[in-house]
Amino acid sequence: MSDRNTVSGTFSRKVKEEIKENIGKARHCQLAELAVIISFYGRISIKGGKPELGIQSEHEYIHEKFNSLIKKAFGIDELTTDDVMRVLAAVKIWNENENMFMDPKIINPVLLQQSCCRRAFIRGAFLSAGSMSDPNKSYHLEIVCSEERQASQVKEVINSFDMDAKIVTRKKNYVVYMKEGEHIVDLMNIMGAYKALMDLENVRIMKEMRNSVNRKVNCETANIGKTVNAAVRQISAITYIRDNYGLDSLPEQLGEMAEVRLENPDTPLKDLGALLDPPIGKSGVNHRLRKLVEMAEEMGMNSQ
């Protein structure tokens, strides 16, 4: 299998640089993360009757994490042929009881019994085959797997933390993905990518602020539109009455209201009331103007 993991974007690199340095304190967590890295990039072969274990990845951080985990879990600075069986047995790829190799693509559930080990598993899976979109543009996190059973296990482990990861096929691969910003934040916390998490939260806060401002502006714009349309309707009604029947035909209060409105077409209702004698409130102005529109329609003004 070729190295599928091409880091997409600055934010993905930031997350991976951070979790590369994050190694579980407990040996069982180290083994869980080591197992998942081997499942994505491990190469097990037999030479001269002895097994060899290598990592095939073009990314240096994968090799660095593999070597760090080997050193932490086994006290080995450089993996030798004599150490390979011990490592493979510890990560449950070599079954000592049955004297056989197990499928390295699927992590033995024994290694994932504890929550901290499942966190290490997710960290190793994302480091190996994960990527994130620029959160300024969209929320999208994914882990690309070569086999469906591998993707199913990744999804199952992620969702054990009350997430909602899903799987989609892409070409010959199976992609475990998440699009909910809040869940992606939670997953970054699970992986221990705390600095990147804060950056993502800041982006989310700014997006929410912008969305809130946009909603307010849209609402105010809509209200202004309604106000303008109402004013146009009022002027049209008063003009119709004036041109066809004369404003003198109106009751005194409505006639005064009509004249004030014609003289002040852009004035808000609350200010129009102050121009009347005696002054009246906004609701009174609104009532009289509505009455003028109704009268004009009854007189034959075409409704808009």
Foldseek 3Di string as FASTA:
>chain_A
DAQPADAPDDLLVLLLVQLLPPADLDLLLLLLLLLLLCLQFWDWDADPNFIDIDGDDPDPSSVSSNQVSCCNNPVDNDDDRVCVVVSCVSQPQQDPVVRDGHNSNDGDCVSVPDLLNLLSNLLSQCSRAKYFDDVLVFGKIKGKAQDPVSLVVSLVSLCVVVADWDWDDDDRIIMTMDGDLVSVLVSSVSSVSVVSSVVSVVSVVVVVVVVVVVVVVVVVVVVVVVVLVLLVLLLVLLVLCCVPPRLVVDPPVLSQLSVLCNVCSPDQQQVSQVVDVVRDGSVVSVVSSVVSSVVSVVVPDDDD
